[in-house]
């Protein structure tokens, strides 16, 4: 019985250990000079996100340098979004 309970709980604990989407929106909002609710977030892979908004886009990766305070790290240049670049 205990093993079954652990098997159900462990995935939720692991999933909750990474940086949050709210943290990503806060960081990207500052970098892209755009309010968090004006940002679109796309998965590149499980640890990488493409964030776009206000005519700009950037790539962020999960950062676990200090496991007590995981966060998001800017991993690209801030570039014009494709919609703006094509105009």
PDB file of N, CA and C in Angstrom:
ATOM      1  N   UNK A   1       0.815  -1.197   0.000  1.00  0.00           N
ATOM      2  CA  UNK A   1       0.000   0.000   0.000  1.00  0.00           C
ATOM      3  C   UNK A   1       0.864   1.269   0.000  1.00  0.00           C
ATOM      4  N   UNK A   2       1.924   1.288   0.803  1.00  0.00           N
ATOM      5  CA  UNK A   2       2.784   2.468   0.861  1.00  0.00           C
ATOM      6  C   UNK A   2       3.479   2.714  -0.472  1.00  0.00           C
ATOM      7  N   UNK A   3       3.903   1.655  -1.130  1.00  0.00           N
ATOM      8  CA  UNK A   3       4.594   1.804  -2.411  1.00  0.00           C
ATOM      9  C   UNK A   3       3.650   2.406  -3.456  1.00  0.00           C
ATOM     10  N   UNK A   4       2.399   1.984  -3.477  1.00  0.00           N
ATOM     11  CA  UNK A   4       1.429   2.526  -4.426  1.00  0.00           C
ATOM     12  C   UNK A   4       1.190   4.007  -4.164  1.00  0.00           C
ATOM     13  N   UNK A   5       1.119   4.376  -2.905  1.00  0.00           N
ATOM     14  CA  UNK A   5       0.925   5.782  -2.555  1.00  0.00           C
ATOM     15  C   UNK A   5       2.106   6.616  -3.026  1.00  0.00           C
ATOM     16  N   UNK A   6       3.321   6.131  -2.803  1.00  0.00           N
ATOM     17  CA  UNK A   6       4.510   6.855  -3.264  1.00  0.00           C
ATOM     18  C   UNK A   6       4.527   7.000  -4.778  1.00  0.00           C
ATOM     19  N   UNK A   7       4.125   5.958  -5.476  1.00  0.00           N
ATOM     20  CA  UNK A   7       4.114   6.015  -6.940  1.00  0.00           C
ATOM     21  C   UNK A   7       3.131   7.063  -7.437  1.00  0.00           C
ATOM     22  N   UNK A   8       2.092   7.334  -6.695  1.00  0.00           N
ATOM     23  CA  UNK A   8       1.125   8.352  -7.079  1.00  0.00           C
ATOM     24  C   UNK A   8       1.593   9.755  -6.709  1.00  0.00           C
ATOM     25  N   UNK A   9       2.303   9.887  -5.612  1.00  0.00           N
ATOM     26  CA  UNK A   9       2.713  11.199  -5.112  1.00  0.00           C
ATOM     27  C   UNK A   9       3.987  11.715  -5.771  1.00  0.00           C
ATOM     28  N   UNK A  10       4.959  10.865  -6.016  1.00  0.00           N
ATOM     29  CA  UNK A  10       6.268  11.293  -6.523  1.00  0.00           C
ATOM     30  C   UNK A  10       6.172  12.108  -7.819  1.00  0.00           C
ATOM     31  N   UNK A  11       5.398  11.715  -8.830  1.00  0.00           N
ATOM     32  CA  UNK A  11       5.333  12.545 -10.041  1.00  0.00           C
ATOM     33  C   UNK A  11       4.858  13.969  -9.772  1.00  0.00           C
ATOM     34  N   UNK A  12       3.950  14.152  -8.828  1.00  0.00           N
ATOM     35  CA  UNK A  12       3.475  15.497  -8.499  1.00  0.00           C
ATOM     36  C   UNK A  12       4.550  16.305  -7.789  1.00  0.00           C
ATOM     37  N   UNK A  13       5.328  15.655  -6.953  1.00  0.00           N
ATOM     38  CA  UNK A  13       6.417  16.347  -6.280  1.00  0.00           C
ATOM     39  C   UNK A  13       7.495  16.778  -7.263  1.00  0.00           C
ATOM     40  N   UNK A  14       7.827  15.907  -8.189  1.00  0.00           N
ATOM     41  CA  UNK A  14       8.853  16.224  -9.191  1.00  0.00           C
ATOM     42  C   UNK A  14       8.371  17.356 -10.087  1.00  0.00           C
ATOM     43  N   UNK A  15       7.126  17.294 -10.515  1.00  0.00           N
ATOM     44  CA  UNK A  15       6.581  18.324 -11.404  1.00  0.00           C
ATOM     45  C   UNK A  15       6.563  19.687 -10.736  1.00  0.00           C
ATOM     46  N   UNK A  16       6.429  19.733  -9.422  1.00  0.00           N
ATOM     47  CA  UNK A  16       6.362  20.995  -8.712  1.00  0.00           C
ATOM     48  C   UNK A  16       7.713  21.583  -8.358  1.00  0.00           C
ATOM     49  N   UNK A  17       8.798  20.954  -8.735  1.00  0.00           N
ATOM     50  CA  UNK A  17      10.133  21.398  -8.332  1.00  0.00           C
ATOM     51  C   UNK A  17      10.751  22.429  -9.266  1.00  0.00           C
ATOM     52  N   UNK A  18      10.234  22.605 -10.443  1.00  0.00           N
ATOM     53  CA  UNK A  18      10.820  23.518 -11.412  1.00  0.00           C
ATOM     54  C   UNK A  18      10.297  24.932 -11.276  1.00  0.00           C
ATOM     55  N   UNK A  19      10.862  25.841 -12.066  1.00  0.00           N
ATOM     56  CA  UNK A  19      10.382  27.213 -12.058  1.00  0.00           C
ATOM     57  C   UNK A  19       8.964  27.282 -12.630  1.00  0.00           C
ATOM     58  N   UNK A  20       8.202  28.238 -12.180  1.00  0.00           N
ATOM     59  CA  UNK A  20       6.799  28.333 -12.581  1.00  0.00           C
ATOM     60  C   UNK A  20       6.618  29.183 -13.842  1.00  0.00           C
ATOM     61  N   UNK A  21       5.459  29.024 -14.450  1.00  0.00           N
ATOM     62  CA  UNK A  21       5.098  29.832 -15.610  1.00  0.00           C
ATOM     63  C   UNK A  21       4.951  31.304 -15.212  1.00  0.00           C
ATOM     64  N   UNK A  22       4.479  31.546 -13.993  1.00  0.00           N
ATOM     65  CA  UNK A  22       4.367  32.924 -13.500  1.00  0.00           C
ATOM     66  C   UNK A  22       5.749  33.576 -13.409  1.00  0.00           C
ATOM     67  N   UNK A  23       6.756  32.808 -12.962  1.00  0.00           N
ATOM     68  CA  UNK A  23       8.126  33.329 -12.911  1.00  0.00           C
ATOM     69  C   UNK A  23       8.629  33.658 -14.313  1.00  0.00           C
ATOM     70  N   UNK A  24       8.322  32.787 -15.265  1.00  0.00           N
ATOM     71  CA  UNK A  24       8.742  33.022 -16.649  1.00  0.00           C
ATOM     72  C   UNK A  24       8.099  34.293 -17.193  1.00  0.00           C
ATOM     73  N   UNK A  25       6.808  34.459 -16.968  1.00  0.00           N
ATOM     74  CA  UNK A  25       6.115  35.660 -17.460  1.00  0.00           C
ATOM     75  C   UNK A  25       6.688  36.926 -16.824  1.00  0.00           C
ATOM     76  N   UNK A  26       7.037  36.880 -15.548  1.00  0.00           N
ATOM     77  CA  UNK A  26       7.623  38.039 -14.877  1.00  0.00           C
ATOM     78  C   UNK A  26       8.979  38.376 -15.486  1.00  0.00           C
ATOM     79  N   UNK A  27       9.832  37.375 -15.635  1.00  0.00           N
ATOM     80  CA  UNK A  27      11.177  37.598 -16.192  1.00  0.00           C
ATOM     81  C   UNK A  27      11.105  38.072 -17.639  1.00  0.00           C
ATOM     82  N   UNK A  28      10.320  37.376 -18.460  1.00  0.00           N
ATOM     83  CA  UNK A  28      10.213  37.738 -19.874  1.00  0.00           C
ATOM     84  C   UNK A  28       9.567  39.110 -20.035  1.00  0.00           C
ATOM     85  N   UNK A  29       8.609  39.424 -19.183  1.00  0.00           N
ATOM     86  CA  UNK A  29       7.976  40.741 -19.248  1.00  0.00           C
ATOM     87  C   UNK A  29       8.979  41.863 -19.050  1.00  0.00           C
ATOM     88  N   UNK A  30       9.913  41.661 -18.133  1.00  0.00           N
ATOM     89  CA  UNK A  30      10.961  42.656 -17.915  1.00  0.00           C
ATOM     90  C   UNK A  30      11.910  42.738 -19.115  1.00  0.00           C
ATOM     91  N   UNK A  31      12.348  41.570 -19.601  1.00  0.00           N
ATOM     92  CA  UNK A  31      13.297  41.535 -20.715  1.00  0.00           C
ATOM     93  C   UNK A  31      12.699  42.075 -22.013  1.00  0.00           C
ATOM     94  N   UNK A  32      11.445  41.719 -22.279  1.00  0.00           N
ATOM     95  CA  UNK A  32      10.809  42.099 -23.538  1.00  0.00           C
ATOM     96  C   UNK A  32      10.064  43.426 -23.433  1.00  0.00           C
ATOM     97  N   UNK A  33      10.086  44.021 -22.244  1.00  0.00           N
ATOM     98  CA  UNK A  33       9.372  45.271 -21.987  1.00  0.00           C
ATOM     99  C   UNK A  33       7.909  45.144 -22.395  1.00  0.00           C
ATOM    100  N   UNK A  34       7.269  44.123 -21.846  1.00  0.00           N
ATOM    101  CA  UNK A  34       5.904  43.773 -22.215  1.00  0.00           C
ATOM    102  C   UNK A  34       5.196  43.228 -20.969  1.00  0.00           C
ATOM    103  N   UNK A  35       3.934  43.597 -20.734  1.00  0.00           N
ATOM    104  CA  UNK A  35       3.238  43.042 -19.571  1.00  0.00           C
ATOM    105  C   UNK A  35       3.070  41.525 -19.693  1.00  0.00           C
ATOM    106  N   UNK A  36       3.128  40.833 -18.573  1.00  0.00           N
ATOM    107  CA  UNK A  36       3.038  39.374 -18.565  1.00  0.00           C
ATOM    108  C   UNK A  36       1.810  38.830 -19.258  1.00  0.00           C
ATOM    109  N   UNK A  37       0.676  39.539 -19.159  1.00  0.00           N
ATOM    110  CA  UNK A  37      -0.532  39.045 -19.814  1.00  0.00           C
ATOM    111  C   UNK A  37      -0.517  39.278 -21.323  1.00  0.00           C
ATOM    112  N   UNK A  38       0.487  39.992 -21.831  1.00  0.00           N
ATOM    113  CA  UNK A  38       0.625  40.213 -23.269  1.00  0.00           C
ATOM    114  C   UNK A  38       1.609  39.261 -23.918  1.00  0.00           C
ATOM    115  N   UNK A  39       2.051  38.243 -23.164  1.00  0.00           N
ATOM    116  CA  UNK A  39       3.062  37.308 -23.656  1.00  0.00           C
ATOM    117  C   UNK A  39       2.443  35.977 -24.055  1.00  0.00           C
ATOM    118  N   UNK A  40       2.971  35.391 -25.120  1.00  0.00           N
ATOM    119  CA  UNK A  40       2.599  34.036 -25.539  1.00  0.00           C
ATOM    120  C   UNK A  40       3.797  33.134 -25.252  1.00  0.00           C
ATOM    121  N   UNK A  41       3.538  31.963 -24.679  1.00  0.00           N
ATOM    122  CA  UNK A  41       4.598  31.029 -24.308  1.00  0.00           C
ATOM    123  C   UNK A  41       4.389  29.733 -25.076  1.00  0.00           C
ATOM    124  N   UNK A  42       5.449  29.290 -25.759  1.00  0.00           N
ATOM    125  CA  UNK A  42       5.415  28.032 -26.508  1.00  0.00           C
ATOM    126  C   UNK A  42       6.510  27.110 -25.989  1.00  0.00           C
ATOM    127  N   UNK A  43       6.201  25.819 -25.888  1.00  0.00           N
ATOM    128  CA  UNK A  43       7.208  24.836 -25.508  1.00  0.00           C
ATOM    129  C   UNK A  43       8.130  24.554 -26.685  1.00  0.00           C
ATOM    130  N   UNK A  44       9.433  24.611 -26.444  1.00  0.00           N
ATOM    131  CA  UNK A  44      10.418  24.157 -27.417  1.00  0.00           C
ATOM    132  C   UNK A  44      10.762  22.704 -27.082  1.00  0.00           C
ATOM    133  N   UNK A  45      10.999  22.456 -25.802  1.00  0.00           N
ATOM    134  CA  UNK A  45      11.162  21.115 -25.237  1.00  0.00           C
ATOM    135  C   UNK A  45      10.770  21.237 -23.771  1.00  0.00           C
ATOM    136  N   UNK A  46      10.829  20.173 -22.982  1.00  0.00           N
ATOM    137  CA  UNK A  46      10.348  20.274 -21.602  1.00  0.00           C
ATOM    138  C   UNK A  46      11.037  21.339 -20.736  1.00  0.00           C
ATOM    139  N   UNK A  47      12.250  21.723 -21.059  1.00  0.00           N
ATOM    140  CA  UNK A  47      12.976  22.699 -20.241  1.00  0.00           C
ATOM    141  C   UNK A  47      13.224  24.021 -20.957  1.00  0.00           C
ATOM    142  N   UNK A  48      12.646  24.212 -22.139  1.00  0.00           N
ATOM    143  CA  UNK A  48      12.909  25.403 -22.939  1.00  0.00           C
ATOM    144  C   UNK A  48      11.600  25.992 -23.435  1.00  0.00           C
ATOM    145  N   UNK A  49      11.479  27.332 -23.335  1.00  0.00           N
ATOM    146  CA  UNK A  49      10.265  28.018 -23.768  1.00  0.00           C
ATOM    147  C   UNK A  49      10.615  29.170 -24.708  1.00  0.00           C
ATOM    148  N   UNK A  50       9.783  29.368 -25.725  1.00  0.00           N
ATOM    149  CA  UNK A  50       9.859  30.530 -26.604  1.00  0.00           C
ATOM    150  C   UNK A  50       8.772  31.487 -26.144  1.00  0.00           C
ATOM    151  N   UNK A  51       9.169  32.709 -25.792  1.00  0.00           N
ATOM    152  CA  UNK A  51       8.220  33.706 -25.302  1.00  0.00           C
ATOM    153  C   UNK A  51       8.189  34.851 -26.299  1.00  0.00           C
ATOM    154  N   UNK A  52       6.983  35.267 -26.687  1.00  0.00           N
ATOM    155  CA  UNK A  52       6.853  36.389 -27.605  1.00  0.00           C
ATOM    156  C   UNK A  52       5.751  37.326 -27.128  1.00  0.00           C
ATOM    157  N   UNK A  53       5.947  38.604 -27.453  1.00  0.00           N
ATOM    158  CA  UNK A  53       4.971  39.614 -27.089  1.00  0.00           C
ATOM    159  C   UNK A  53       5.513  40.997 -27.360  1.00  0.00           C
ATOM    160  N   UNK A  54       4.597  41.937 -27.642  1.00  0.00           N
ATOM    161  CA  UNK A  54       4.951  43.338 -27.885  1.00  0.00           C
ATOM    162  C   UNK A  54       5.997  43.476 -28.988  1.00  0.00           C
ATOM    163  N   UNK A  55       5.925  42.608 -29.997  1.00  0.00           N
ATOM    164  CA  UNK A  55       6.818  42.694 -31.142  1.00  0.00           C
ATOM    165  C   UNK A  55       8.202  42.103 -30.943  1.00  0.00           C
ATOM    166  N   UNK A  56       8.418  41.393 -29.823  1.00  0.00           N
ATOM    167  CA  UNK A  56       9.721  40.805 -29.546  1.00  0.00           C
ATOM    168  C   UNK A  56       9.551  39.337 -29.168  1.00  0.00           C
ATOM    169  N   UNK A  57      10.675  38.597 -29.259  1.00  0.00           N
ATOM    170  CA  UNK A  57      10.658  37.191 -28.841  1.00  0.00           C
ATOM    171  C   UNK A  57      12.022  36.813 -28.281  1.00  0.00           C
ATOM    172  N   UNK A  58      12.018  35.807 -27.406  1.00  0.00           N
ATOM    173  CA  UNK A  58      13.254  35.326 -26.788  1.00  0.00           C
ATOM    174  C   UNK A  58      13.038  33.890 -26.314  1.00  0.00           C
ATOM    175  N   UNK A  59      14.147  33.194 -26.119  1.00  0.00           N
ATOM    176  CA  UNK A  59      14.113  31.812 -25.641  1.00  0.00           C
ATOM    177  C   UNK A  59      14.645  31.773 -24.216  1.00  0.00           C
ATOM    178  N   UNK A  60      13.966  31.006 -23.373  1.00  0.00           N
ATOM    179  CA  UNK A  60      14.342  30.842 -21.968  1.00  0.00           C
ATOM    180  C   UNK A  60      14.514  29.369 -21.646  1.00  0.00           C
ATOM    181  N   UNK A  61      15.460  29.069 -20.767  1.00  0.00           N
ATOM    182  CA  UNK A  61      15.675  27.699 -20.295  1.00  0.00           C
ATOM    183  C   UNK A  61      15.544  27.681 -18.782  1.00  0.00           C
ATOM    184  N   UNK A  62      15.119  26.526 -18.260  1.00  0.00           N
ATOM    185  CA  UNK A  62      15.048  26.364 -16.817  1.00  0.00           C
ATOM    186  C   UNK A  62      16.445  26.436 -16.237  1.00  0.00           C
ATOM    187  N   UNK A  63      16.579  27.088 -15.089  1.00  0.00           N
ATOM    188  CA  UNK A  63      17.867  27.254 -14.430  1.00  0.00           C
ATOM    189  C   UNK A  63      17.772  26.672 -13.027  1.00  0.00           C
ATOM    190  N   UNK A  64      18.584  25.638 -12.764  1.00  0.00           N
ATOM    191  CA  UNK A  64      18.573  24.968 -11.465  1.00  0.00           C
ATOM    192  C   UNK A  64      19.899  25.143 -10.736  1.00  0.00           C
ATOM    193  N   UNK A  65      20.564  26.296 -10.857  1.00  0.00           N
ATOM    194  CA  UNK A  65      21.846  26.496 -10.173  1.00  0.00           C
ATOM    195  C   UNK A  65      21.704  26.361  -8.665  1.00  0.00           C
ATOM    196  N   UNK A  66      20.622  26.839  -8.132  1.00  0.00           N
ATOM    197  CA  UNK A  66      20.336  26.716  -6.710  1.00  0.00           C
ATOM    198  C   UNK A  66      18.966  26.063  -6.614  1.00  0.00           C
ATOM    199  N   UNK A  67      18.929  24.791  -6.283  1.00  0.00           N
ATOM    200  CA  UNK A  67      17.681  24.030  -6.347  1.00  0.00           C
ATOM    201  C   UNK A  67      16.588  24.590  -5.439  1.00  0.00           C
ATOM    202  N   UNK A  68      16.940  25.412  -4.467  1.00  0.00           N
ATOM    203  CA  UNK A  68      15.919  26.023  -3.617  1.00  0.00           C
ATOM    204  C   UNK A  68      15.222  27.172  -4.324  1.00  0.00           C
ATOM    205  N   UNK A  69      15.853  27.730  -5.373  1.00  0.00           N
ATOM    206  CA  UNK A  69      15.302  28.876  -6.074  1.00  0.00           C
ATOM    207  C   UNK A  69      15.446  28.703  -7.587  1.00  0.00           C
ATOM    208  N   UNK A  70      14.758  27.726  -8.173  1.00  0.00           N
ATOM    209  CA  UNK A  70      14.862  27.562  -9.627  1.00  0.00           C
ATOM    210  C   UNK A  70      14.254  28.769 -10.336  1.00  0.00           C
ATOM    211  N   UNK A  71      14.718  29.036 -11.520  1.00  0.00           N
ATOM    212  CA  UNK A  71      14.210  30.175 -12.270  1.00  0.00           C
ATOM    213  C   UNK A  71      14.377  29.959 -13.758  1.00  0.00           C
ATOM    214  N   UNK A  72      14.217  31.024 -14.509  1.00  0.00           N
ATOM    215  CA  UNK A  72      14.339  30.995 -15.967  1.00  0.00           C
ATOM    216  C   UNK A  72      15.510  31.864 -16.387  1.00  0.00           C
ATOM    217  N   UNK A  73      16.272  31.388 -17.352  1.00  0.00           N
ATOM    218  CA  UNK A  73      17.457  32.082 -17.833  1.00  0.00           C
ATOM    219  C   UNK A  73      17.270  32.428 -19.309  1.00  0.00           C
ATOM    220  N   UNK A  74      17.477  33.689 -19.650  1.00  0.00           N
ATOM    221  CA  UNK A  74      17.423  34.117 -21.052  1.00  0.00           C
ATOM    222  C   UNK A  74      18.520  33.395 -21.811  1.00  0.00           C
ATOM    223  N   UNK A  75      18.172  32.715 -22.909  1.00  0.00           N
ATOM    224  CA  UNK A  75      19.118  31.865 -23.627  1.00  0.00           C
ATOM    225  C   UNK A  75      19.218  32.248 -25.096  1.00  0.00           C
ATOM    226  N   UNK A  76      18.867  33.471 -25.438  1.00  0.00           N
ATOM    227  CA  UNK A  76      18.956  33.937 -26.822  1.00  0.00           C
ATOM    228  C   UNK A  76      19.021  35.455 -26.811  1.00  0.00           C
ATOM    229  N   UNK A  77      19.260  36.002 -27.968  1.00  0.00           N
ATOM    230  CA  UNK A  77      19.110  37.443 -28.125  1.00  0.00           C
ATOM    231  C   UNK A  77      17.621  37.755 -28.139  1.00  0.00           C
ATOM    232  N   UNK A  78      17.274  38.957 -27.729  1.00  0.00           N
ATOM    233  CA  UNK A  78      15.887  39.403 -27.874  1.00  0.00           C
ATOM    234  C   UNK A  78      15.765  39.910 -29.297  1.00  0.00           C
ATOM    235  N   UNK A  79      14.869  39.297 -30.048  1.00  0.00           N
ATOM    236  CA  UNK A  79      14.724  39.609 -31.474  1.00  0.00           C
ATOM    237  C   UNK A  79      13.316  40.079 -31.775  1.00  0.00           C
ATOM    238  N   UNK A  80      13.148  40.755 -32.915  1.00  0.00           N
ATOM    239  CA  UNK A  80      11.783  41.087 -33.326  1.00  0.00           C
ATOM    240  C   UNK A  80      11.003  39.804 -33.587  1.00  0.00           C
ATOM    241  N   UNK A  81       9.723  39.809 -33.240  1.00  0.00           N
ATOM    242  CA  UNK A  81       8.913  38.625 -33.525  1.00  0.00           C
ATOM    243  C   UNK A  81       8.760  38.490 -35.021  1.00  0.00           C
ATOM    244  N   UNK A  82       8.484  37.297 -35.482  1.00  0.00           N
ATOM    245  CA  UNK A  82       8.399  37.030 -36.919  1.00  0.00           C
ATOM    246  C   UNK A  82       7.306  37.865 -37.577  1.00  0.00           C
ATOM    247  N   UNK A  83       6.202  38.091 -36.862  1.00  0.00           N
ATOM    248  CA  UNK A  83       5.111  38.885 -37.449  1.00  0.00           C
ATOM    249  C   UNK A  83       5.586  40.304 -37.739  1.00  0.00           C
ATOM    250  N   UNK A  84       6.347  40.890 -36.796  1.00  0.00           N
ATOM    251  CA  UNK A  84       6.848  42.260 -36.970  1.00  0.00           C
ATOM    252  C   UNK A  84       7.959  42.280 -38.008  1.00  0.00           C
ATOM    253  N   UNK A  85       8.856  41.285 -37.985  1.00  0.00           N
ATOM    254  CA  UNK A  85       9.996  41.250 -38.914  1.00  0.00           C
ATOM    255  C   UNK A  85       9.519  41.123 -40.357  1.00  0.00           C
ATOM    256  N   UNK A  86       8.380  40.488 -40.581  1.00  0.00           N
ATOM    257  CA  UNK A  86       7.885  40.292 -41.936  1.00  0.00           C
ATOM    258  C   UNK A  86       7.179  41.490 -42.508  1.00  0.00           C
ATOM    259  N   UNK A  87       6.872  42.501 -41.699  1.00  0.00           N
ATOM    260  CA  UNK A  87       6.134  43.694 -42.170  1.00  0.00           C
ATOM    261  C   UNK A  87       7.042  44.678 -42.864  1.00  0.00           C
TER     262      UNK A  87
END
